[in-house]
Amino acid sequence: MSSSEILFYYLICLAAFFIVELLLLSLQWKNLINQPDLDPIISNNFSQDQLDKAVAYSKCKLKLNLFEHCYSNLILVCIILAGIFGSIYIFSEGLLSGDYIQGILYVFLVSFVFRIFSIPLELYSTFVIEEKFGFNKMTFKLWLLDQAKGLI
């Protein structure tokens, strides 16, 4: 099997996964819009304003999840087609000796590339959506420290 055939099958699988995820997100959206009657335990313990706020928050997060899903798949396809995975492999191979060390470095570098692309969406989620609904108690400095800890 040639590398172009493997790429073709991989992209088919990725497209199928993408479509399934979109279907699941659309079902979630449909369920959010067409809310059934709430359990009395929930409706008795929360005001209508609190419930409306929770629904609005869920809608915002779901819209962001939909965008993030499309964005991350687009980034993945671009990285694959641009040959960045191969470039990272060649870089890690030339930098260190030993298959295990090269593999660990490769995984770290690929994770780092994806992490860079996820930063704008995380910032938006934390400092726009969470702030809008009053859930954000994090400062930018604390967010940066959390990101640095996540790299370790």
N, C-alpha and C. Protein backbone atom coordinates (compact mmCIF):
# COMPACT_ATOMS: atom_id res chain seq x y z
N MET A 1 0.85 -1.17 0.00
CA MET A 1 0.00 0.00 0.00
C MET A 1 0.90 1.24 0.00
N SER A 2 0.62 2.16 -0.89
CA SER A 2 1.47 3.35 -1.01
C SER A 2 1.07 4.38 0.05
N SER A 3 1.96 5.34 0.24
CA SER A 3 1.70 6.39 1.23
C SER A 3 0.50 7.24 0.83
N SER A 4 0.28 7.45 -0.45
CA SER A 4 -0.88 8.23 -0.88
C SER A 4 -2.19 7.49 -0.60
N GLU A 5 -2.16 6.17 -0.70
CA GLU A 5 -3.36 5.39 -0.36
C GLU A 5 -3.64 5.45 1.13
N ILE A 6 -2.60 5.35 1.93
CA ILE A 6 -2.75 5.45 3.38
C ILE A 6 -3.31 6.81 3.75
N LEU A 7 -2.77 7.85 3.13
CA LEU A 7 -3.27 9.21 3.38
C LEU A 7 -4.74 9.32 3.00
N PHE A 8 -5.10 8.78 1.85
CA PHE A 8 -6.49 8.81 1.39
C PHE A 8 -7.41 8.13 2.39
N TYR A 9 -7.06 6.93 2.85
CA TYR A 9 -7.89 6.21 3.82
C TYR A 9 -7.95 6.94 5.16
N TYR A 10 -6.85 7.52 5.55
CA TYR A 10 -6.83 8.28 6.80
C TYR A 10 -7.77 9.48 6.71
N LEU A 11 -7.73 10.19 5.59
CA LEU A 11 -8.60 11.35 5.41
C LEU A 11 -10.07 10.94 5.34
N ILE A 12 -10.35 9.77 4.77
CA ILE A 12 -11.72 9.25 4.75
C ILE A 12 -12.20 8.99 6.19
N CYS A 13 -11.35 8.34 6.97
CA CYS A 13 -11.70 8.06 8.37
C CYS A 13 -11.88 9.36 9.16
N LEU A 14 -11.00 10.31 8.92
CA LEU A 14 -11.11 11.61 9.59
C LEU A 14 -12.41 12.31 9.21
N ALA A 15 -12.79 12.25 7.94
CA ALA A 15 -14.04 12.85 7.49
C ALA A 15 -15.24 12.16 8.14
N ALA A 16 -15.19 10.83 8.24
CA ALA A 16 -16.28 10.09 8.88
C ALA A 16 -16.40 10.48 10.35
N PHE A 17 -15.28 10.56 11.03
CA PHE A 17 -15.27 10.98 12.43
C PHE A 17 -15.83 12.39 12.56
N PHE A 18 -15.44 13.27 11.66
CA PHE A 18 -15.91 14.66 11.67
C PHE A 18 -17.43 14.70 11.51
N ILE A 19 -17.97 13.92 10.60
CA ILE A 19 -19.41 13.91 10.37
C ILE A 19 -20.16 13.36 11.59
N VAL A 20 -19.65 12.30 12.20
CA VAL A 20 -20.28 11.75 13.39
C VAL A 20 -20.28 12.78 14.52
N GLU A 21 -19.15 13.46 14.70
CA GLU A 21 -19.08 14.50 15.73
C GLU A 21 -20.08 15.62 15.46
N LEU A 22 -20.20 16.02 14.20
CA LEU A 22 -21.18 17.07 13.86
C LEU A 22 -22.60 16.61 14.14
N LEU A 23 -22.89 15.36 13.85
CA LEU A 23 -24.22 14.83 14.15
C LEU A 23 -24.49 14.83 15.65
N LEU A 24 -23.50 14.43 16.43
CA LEU A 24 -23.66 14.43 17.89
C LEU A 24 -23.85 15.85 18.43
N LEU A 25 -23.08 16.79 17.90
CA LEU A 25 -23.25 18.18 18.34
C LEU A 25 -24.61 18.73 17.94
N SER A 26 -25.08 18.35 16.76
CA SER A 26 -26.40 18.83 16.34
C SER A 26 -27.51 18.22 17.21
N LEU A 27 -27.35 16.97 17.60
CA LEU A 27 -28.32 16.36 18.53
C LEU A 27 -28.30 17.06 19.88
N GLN A 28 -27.12 17.38 20.33
CA GLN A 28 -27.00 18.10 21.59
C GLN A 28 -27.67 19.46 21.49
N TRP A 29 -27.47 20.16 20.36
CA TRP A 29 -28.08 21.46 20.15
C TRP A 29 -29.61 21.33 20.11
N LYS A 30 -30.09 20.33 19.40
CA LYS A 30 -31.52 20.09 19.29
C LYS A 30 -32.14 19.84 20.66
N ASN A 31 -31.45 19.05 21.47
CA ASN A 31 -31.92 18.76 22.82
C ASN A 31 -31.91 20.01 23.69
N LEU A 32 -30.94 20.86 23.48
CA LEU A 32 -30.83 22.10 24.25
C LEU A 32 -31.95 23.07 23.88
N ILE A 33 -32.29 23.13 22.61
CA ILE A 33 -33.34 24.03 22.14
C ILE A 33 -34.72 23.53 22.57
N ASN A 34 -34.97 22.25 22.37
CA ASN A 34 -36.27 21.65 22.70
C ASN A 34 -36.22 21.03 24.08
N GLN A 35 -36.13 21.87 25.08
CA GLN A 35 -35.99 21.36 26.44
C GLN A 35 -37.28 20.71 26.92
N PRO A 36 -37.19 19.49 27.40
CA PRO A 36 -38.37 18.88 28.01
C PRO A 36 -38.61 19.50 29.38
N ASP A 37 -39.74 19.18 29.98
CA ASP A 37 -40.01 19.68 31.32
C ASP A 37 -38.93 19.17 32.27
N LEU A 38 -38.50 20.08 33.13
CA LEU A 38 -37.44 19.72 34.06
C LEU A 38 -37.99 18.90 35.22
N ASP A 39 -37.11 18.12 35.77
CA ASP A 39 -37.44 17.37 36.96
C ASP A 39 -37.82 18.36 38.06
N PRO A 40 -38.85 18.08 38.85
CA PRO A 40 -39.26 19.01 39.91
C PRO A 40 -38.15 19.35 40.90
N ILE A 41 -37.25 18.42 41.12
CA ILE A 41 -36.14 18.69 42.05
C ILE A 41 -35.29 19.84 41.51
N ILE A 42 -35.03 19.84 40.22
CA ILE A 42 -34.23 20.91 39.62
C ILE A 42 -35.02 22.21 39.56
N SER A 43 -36.23 22.14 39.06
CA SER A 43 -37.01 23.37 38.88
C SER A 43 -37.39 24.02 40.21
N ASN A 44 -37.50 23.25 41.27
CA ASN A 44 -37.83 23.82 42.58
C ASN A 44 -36.63 24.45 43.27
N ASN A 45 -35.43 24.03 42.92
CA ASN A 45 -34.22 24.54 43.59
C ASN A 45 -33.53 25.68 42.84
N PHE A 46 -33.97 25.96 41.62
CA PHE A 46 -33.35 27.02 40.84
C PHE A 46 -34.42 27.95 40.31
N SER A 47 -34.07 29.24 40.27
CA SER A 47 -35.02 30.22 39.72
C SER A 47 -35.01 30.12 38.19
N GLN A 48 -36.03 30.70 37.58
CA GLN A 48 -36.10 30.68 36.12
C GLN A 48 -34.93 31.44 35.51
N ASP A 49 -34.48 32.51 36.18
CA ASP A 49 -33.31 33.26 35.69
C ASP A 49 -32.06 32.40 35.69
N GLN A 50 -31.88 31.62 36.74
CA GLN A 50 -30.73 30.73 36.82
C GLN A 50 -30.78 29.66 35.73
N LEU A 51 -31.95 29.12 35.50
CA LEU A 51 -32.10 28.11 34.46
C LEU A 51 -31.87 28.71 33.08
N ASP A 52 -32.38 29.92 32.84
CA ASP A 52 -32.16 30.59 31.56
C ASP A 52 -30.68 30.89 31.34
N LYS A 53 -30.01 31.30 32.43
CA LYS A 53 -28.57 31.57 32.34
C LYS A 53 -27.80 30.29 32.01
N ALA A 54 -28.20 29.18 32.62
CA ALA A 54 -27.54 27.90 32.35
C ALA A 54 -27.74 27.48 30.89
N VAL A 55 -28.94 27.69 30.37
CA VAL A 55 -29.21 27.33 28.98
C VAL A 55 -28.40 28.23 28.04
N ALA A 56 -28.37 29.54 28.32
CA ALA A 56 -27.60 30.46 27.48
C ALA A 56 -26.11 30.11 27.50
N TYR A 57 -25.60 29.77 28.68
CA TYR A 57 -24.20 29.37 28.81
C TYR A 57 -23.93 28.10 28.01
N SER A 58 -24.83 27.13 28.13
CA SER A 58 -24.67 25.88 27.38
C SER A 58 -24.68 26.12 25.89
N LYS A 59 -25.52 27.03 25.42
CA LYS A 59 -25.58 27.35 24.00
C LYS A 59 -24.26 27.97 23.53
N CYS A 60 -23.73 28.90 24.32
CA CYS A 60 -22.44 29.53 23.96
C CYS A 60 -21.32 28.50 23.91
N LYS A 61 -21.26 27.63 24.91
CA LYS A 61 -20.22 26.61 24.95
C LYS A 61 -20.37 25.62 23.79
N LEU A 62 -21.61 25.30 23.45
CA LEU A 62 -21.84 24.37 22.34
C LEU A 62 -21.43 24.99 21.01
N LYS A 63 -21.72 26.27 20.84
CA LYS A 63 -21.28 26.96 19.62
C LYS A 63 -19.76 26.97 19.53
N LEU A 64 -19.11 27.23 20.66
CA LEU A 64 -17.65 27.20 20.67
C LEU A 64 -17.12 25.80 20.38
N ASN A 65 -17.77 24.78 20.94
CA ASN A 65 -17.35 23.41 20.66
C ASN A 65 -17.48 23.06 19.18
N LEU A 66 -18.54 23.54 18.56
CA LEU A 66 -18.73 23.30 17.13
C LEU A 66 -17.62 23.98 16.33
N PHE A 67 -17.35 25.23 16.66
CA PHE A 67 -16.27 25.93 15.97
C PHE A 67 -14.93 25.26 16.23
N GLU A 68 -14.69 24.88 17.47
CA GLU A 68 -13.42 24.24 17.84
C GLU A 68 -13.24 22.91 17.09
N HIS A 69 -14.32 22.18 16.93
CA HIS A 69 -14.26 20.91 16.20
C HIS A 69 -13.86 21.15 14.75
N CYS A 70 -14.51 22.11 14.12
CA CYS A 70 -14.18 22.42 12.71
C CYS A 70 -12.75 22.95 12.60
N TYR A 71 -12.38 23.85 13.50
CA TYR A 71 -11.05 24.47 13.51
C TYR A 71 -9.96 23.42 13.70
N SER A 72 -10.12 22.55 14.68
CA SER A 72 -9.07 21.57 14.96
C SER A 72 -8.93 20.56 13.83
N ASN A 73 -10.04 20.18 13.21
CA ASN A 73 -9.94 19.27 12.07
C ASN A 73 -9.29 19.94 10.87
N LEU A 74 -9.59 21.20 10.65
CA LEU A 74 -8.95 21.95 9.57
C LEU A 74 -7.44 22.06 9.81
N ILE A 75 -7.05 22.37 11.04
CA ILE A 75 -5.63 22.45 11.39
C ILE A 75 -4.97 21.09 11.18
N LEU A 76 -5.62 20.02 11.60
CA LEU A 76 -5.05 18.68 11.45
C LEU A 76 -4.84 18.34 9.97
N VAL A 77 -5.83 18.61 9.14
CA VAL A 77 -5.70 18.32 7.71
C VAL A 77 -4.57 19.15 7.10
N CYS A 78 -4.49 20.42 7.47
CA CYS A 78 -3.42 21.28 6.94
C CYS A 78 -2.05 20.78 7.36
N ILE A 79 -1.93 20.36 8.62
CA ILE A 79 -0.65 19.84 9.11
C ILE A 79 -0.27 18.56 8.38
N ILE A 80 -1.25 17.71 8.15
CA ILE A 80 -0.98 16.45 7.44
C ILE A 80 -0.54 16.74 6.01
N LEU A 81 -1.33 17.55 5.31
CA LEU A 81 -1.04 17.81 3.89
C LEU A 81 0.24 18.62 3.69
N ALA A 82 0.59 19.44 4.68
CA ALA A 82 1.82 20.22 4.58
C ALA A 82 3.06 19.40 4.92
N GLY A 83 2.86 18.20 5.45
CA GLY A 83 4.00 17.35 5.78
C GLY A 83 4.71 17.73 7.06
N ILE A 84 4.01 18.42 7.95
CA ILE A 84 4.64 18.89 9.19
C ILE A 84 4.99 17.72 10.11
N PHE A 85 4.15 16.69 10.12
CA PHE A 85 4.48 15.52 10.95
C PHE A 85 5.80 14.90 10.52
N GLY A 86 6.01 14.79 9.22
CA GLY A 86 7.28 14.25 8.71
C GLY A 86 8.44 15.15 9.07
N SER A 87 8.25 16.45 8.97
CA SER A 87 9.32 17.40 9.32
C SER A 87 9.68 17.30 10.80
N ILE A 88 8.67 17.15 11.64
CA ILE A 88 8.92 17.01 13.07
C ILE A 88 9.68 15.71 13.34
N TYR A 89 9.29 14.66 12.63
CA TYR A 89 9.98 13.37 12.80
C TYR A 89 11.45 13.49 12.39
N ILE A 90 11.70 14.09 11.26
CA ILE A 90 13.09 14.26 10.79
C ILE A 90 13.88 15.12 11.77
N PHE A 91 13.25 16.17 12.29
CA PHE A 91 13.92 17.03 13.27
C PHE A 91 14.27 16.26 14.52
N SER A 92 13.30 15.49 15.06
CA SER A 92 13.56 14.73 16.29
C SER A 92 14.59 13.63 16.05
N GLU A 93 14.59 13.06 14.85
CA GLU A 93 15.55 12.00 14.51
C GLU A 93 16.97 12.55 14.45
N GLY A 94 17.11 13.76 13.91
CA GLY A 94 18.43 14.36 13.79
C GLY A 94 18.95 14.95 15.08
N LEU A 95 18.05 15.23 16.01
CA LEU A 95 18.43 15.89 17.25
C LEU A 95 18.96 14.92 18.29
N LEU A 96 18.33 13.76 18.39
CA LEU A 96 18.69 12.80 19.42
C LEU A 96 18.89 11.42 18.82
N SER A 97 19.63 10.59 19.53
CA SER A 97 19.79 9.20 19.09
C SER A 97 18.99 8.31 20.04
N GLY A 98 18.60 7.18 19.55
CA GLY A 98 17.80 6.26 20.35
C GLY A 98 16.34 6.38 19.98
N ASP A 99 15.75 5.25 19.60
CA ASP A 99 14.37 5.25 19.12
C ASP A 99 13.38 5.74 20.17
N TYR A 100 13.54 5.31 21.42
CA TYR A 100 12.59 5.70 22.45
C TYR A 100 12.65 7.20 22.74
N ILE A 101 13.85 7.72 22.84
CA ILE A 101 14.02 9.15 23.10
C ILE A 101 13.47 9.97 21.93
N GLN A 102 13.73 9.53 20.71
CA GLN A 102 13.20 10.22 19.53
C GLN A 102 11.67 10.18 19.53
N GLY A 103 11.10 9.04 19.89
CA GLY A 103 9.65 8.91 19.94
C GLY A 103 9.03 9.84 20.98
N ILE A 104 9.67 9.91 22.14
CA ILE A 104 9.18 10.81 23.20
C ILE A 104 9.27 12.26 22.74
N LEU A 105 10.37 12.63 22.13
CA LEU A 105 10.53 13.99 21.63
C LEU A 105 9.51 14.29 20.54
N TYR A 106 9.28 13.32 19.65
CA TYR A 106 8.31 13.50 18.57
C TYR A 106 6.91 13.76 19.14
N VAL A 107 6.49 12.94 20.10
CA VAL A 107 5.17 13.11 20.71
C VAL A 107 5.08 14.47 21.40
N PHE A 108 6.14 14.86 22.11
CA PHE A 108 6.16 16.15 22.78
C PHE A 108 6.04 17.29 21.77
N LEU A 109 6.78 17.24 20.68
CA LEU A 109 6.75 18.31 19.68
C LEU A 109 5.40 18.39 18.97
N VAL A 110 4.82 17.25 18.63
CA VAL A 110 3.49 17.25 18.00
C VAL A 110 2.46 17.82 18.97
N SER A 111 2.53 17.41 20.23
CA SER A 111 1.61 17.95 21.24
C SER A 111 1.78 19.45 21.38
N PHE A 112 3.01 19.91 21.33
CA PHE A 112 3.29 21.34 21.45
C PHE A 112 2.69 22.11 20.27
N VAL A 113 2.79 21.56 19.07
CA VAL A 113 2.21 22.23 17.89
C VAL A 113 0.70 22.36 18.05
N PHE A 114 0.04 21.28 18.45
CA PHE A 114 -1.41 21.34 18.64
C PHE A 114 -1.79 22.27 19.80
N ARG A 115 -0.95 22.30 20.81
CA ARG A 115 -1.21 23.19 21.96
C ARG A 115 -1.19 24.64 21.52
N ILE A 116 -0.26 25.01 20.66
CA ILE A 116 -0.18 26.38 20.17
C ILE A 116 -1.46 26.78 19.46
N PHE A 117 -1.99 25.88 18.64
CA PHE A 117 -3.21 26.19 17.91
C PHE A 117 -4.45 26.22 18.79
N SER A 118 -4.40 25.58 19.95
CA SER A 118 -5.57 25.57 20.84
C SER A 118 -5.62 26.78 21.77
N ILE A 119 -4.54 27.53 21.87
CA ILE A 119 -4.48 28.66 22.80
C ILE A 119 -5.55 29.73 22.54
N PRO A 120 -5.77 30.17 21.30
CA PRO A 120 -6.79 31.21 21.10
C PRO A 120 -8.19 30.79 21.55
N LEU A 121 -8.55 29.54 21.32
CA LEU A 121 -9.87 29.08 21.73
C LEU A 121 -9.98 28.96 23.24
N GLU A 122 -8.91 28.55 23.89
CA GLU A 122 -8.93 28.48 25.35
C GLU A 122 -9.04 29.87 25.96
N LEU A 123 -8.32 30.83 25.38
CA LEU A 123 -8.43 32.21 25.86
C LEU A 123 -9.85 32.73 25.69
N TYR A 124 -10.45 32.48 24.54
CA TYR A 124 -11.82 32.93 24.29
C TYR A 124 -12.79 32.27 25.27
N SER A 125 -12.63 30.98 25.48
CA SER A 125 -13.52 30.28 26.39
C SER A 125 -13.41 30.82 27.81
N THR A 126 -12.19 31.01 28.26
CA THR A 126 -11.98 31.44 29.65
C THR A 126 -12.31 32.90 29.86
N PHE A 127 -11.81 33.76 28.98
CA PHE A 127 -11.89 35.20 29.25
C PHE A 127 -13.04 35.90 28.53
N VAL A 128 -13.77 35.22 27.68
CA VAL A 128 -14.94 35.84 27.05
C VAL A 128 -16.21 35.14 27.52
N ILE A 129 -16.32 33.85 27.25
CA ILE A 129 -17.56 33.15 27.60
C ILE A 129 -17.72 33.02 29.12
N GLU A 130 -16.70 32.51 29.78
CA GLU A 130 -16.79 32.35 31.24
C GLU A 130 -16.99 33.70 31.93
N GLU A 131 -16.31 34.72 31.42
CA GLU A 131 -16.45 36.07 31.99
C GLU A 131 -17.86 36.62 31.77
N LYS A 132 -18.41 36.38 30.61
CA LYS A 132 -19.75 36.87 30.25
C LYS A 132 -20.80 36.35 31.23
N PHE A 133 -20.64 35.11 31.66
CA PHE A 133 -21.63 34.51 32.56
C PHE A 133 -21.21 34.56 34.03
N GLY A 134 -20.11 35.22 34.32
CA GLY A 134 -19.69 35.41 35.70
C GLY A 134 -19.03 34.20 36.32
N PHE A 135 -18.54 33.28 35.52
CA PHE A 135 -17.92 32.06 36.05
C PHE A 135 -16.40 32.17 36.15
N ASN A 136 -15.81 33.17 35.52
CA ASN A 136 -14.35 33.26 35.48
C ASN A 136 -13.81 33.96 36.71
N LYS A 137 -12.99 33.27 37.43
CA LYS A 137 -12.29 33.85 38.59
C LYS A 137 -10.79 33.84 38.36
N MET A 138 -10.39 33.54 37.13
CA MET A 138 -8.98 33.37 36.81
C MET A 138 -8.42 34.66 36.20
N THR A 139 -7.20 34.99 36.62
CA THR A 139 -6.50 36.11 35.99
C THR A 139 -5.66 35.57 34.84
N PHE A 140 -5.23 36.48 33.98
CA PHE A 140 -4.40 36.06 32.85
C PHE A 140 -3.08 35.45 33.35
N LYS A 141 -2.53 36.02 34.41
CA LYS A 141 -1.29 35.49 34.97
C LYS A 141 -1.47 34.06 35.47
N LEU A 142 -2.57 33.81 36.16
CA LEU A 142 -2.85 32.47 36.65
C LEU A 142 -3.08 31.50 35.48
N TRP A 143 -3.74 31.99 34.42
CA TRP A 143 -3.96 31.17 33.23
C TRP A 143 -2.62 30.78 32.61
N LEU A 144 -1.69 31.76 32.51
CA LEU A 144 -0.37 31.46 31.97
C LEU A 144 0.38 30.44 32.82
N LEU A 145 0.27 30.57 34.13
CA LEU A 145 0.92 29.60 35.02
C LEU A 145 0.33 28.20 34.83
N ASP A 146 -0.98 28.12 34.67
CA ASP A 146 -1.61 26.82 34.41
C ASP A 146 -1.14 26.22 33.09
N GLN A 147 -0.98 27.07 32.07
CA GLN A 147 -0.49 26.58 30.79
C GLN A 147 0.95 26.08 30.90
N ALA A 148 1.77 26.80 31.66
CA ALA A 148 3.16 26.37 31.86
C ALA A 148 3.21 25.04 32.61
N LYS A 149 2.34 24.87 33.61
CA LYS A 149 2.30 23.61 34.34
C LYS A 149 1.85 22.48 33.43
N GLY A 150 0.92 22.77 32.53
CA GLY A 150 0.43 21.77 31.60
C GLY A 150 1.49 21.26 30.64
N LEU A 151 2.50 22.07 30.39
CA LEU A 151 3.58 21.66 29.48
C LEU A 151 4.53 20.66 30.13
N ILE A 152 4.54 20.68 31.44
CA ILE A 152 5.49 19.83 32.18
C ILE A 152 5.00 18.41 32.30
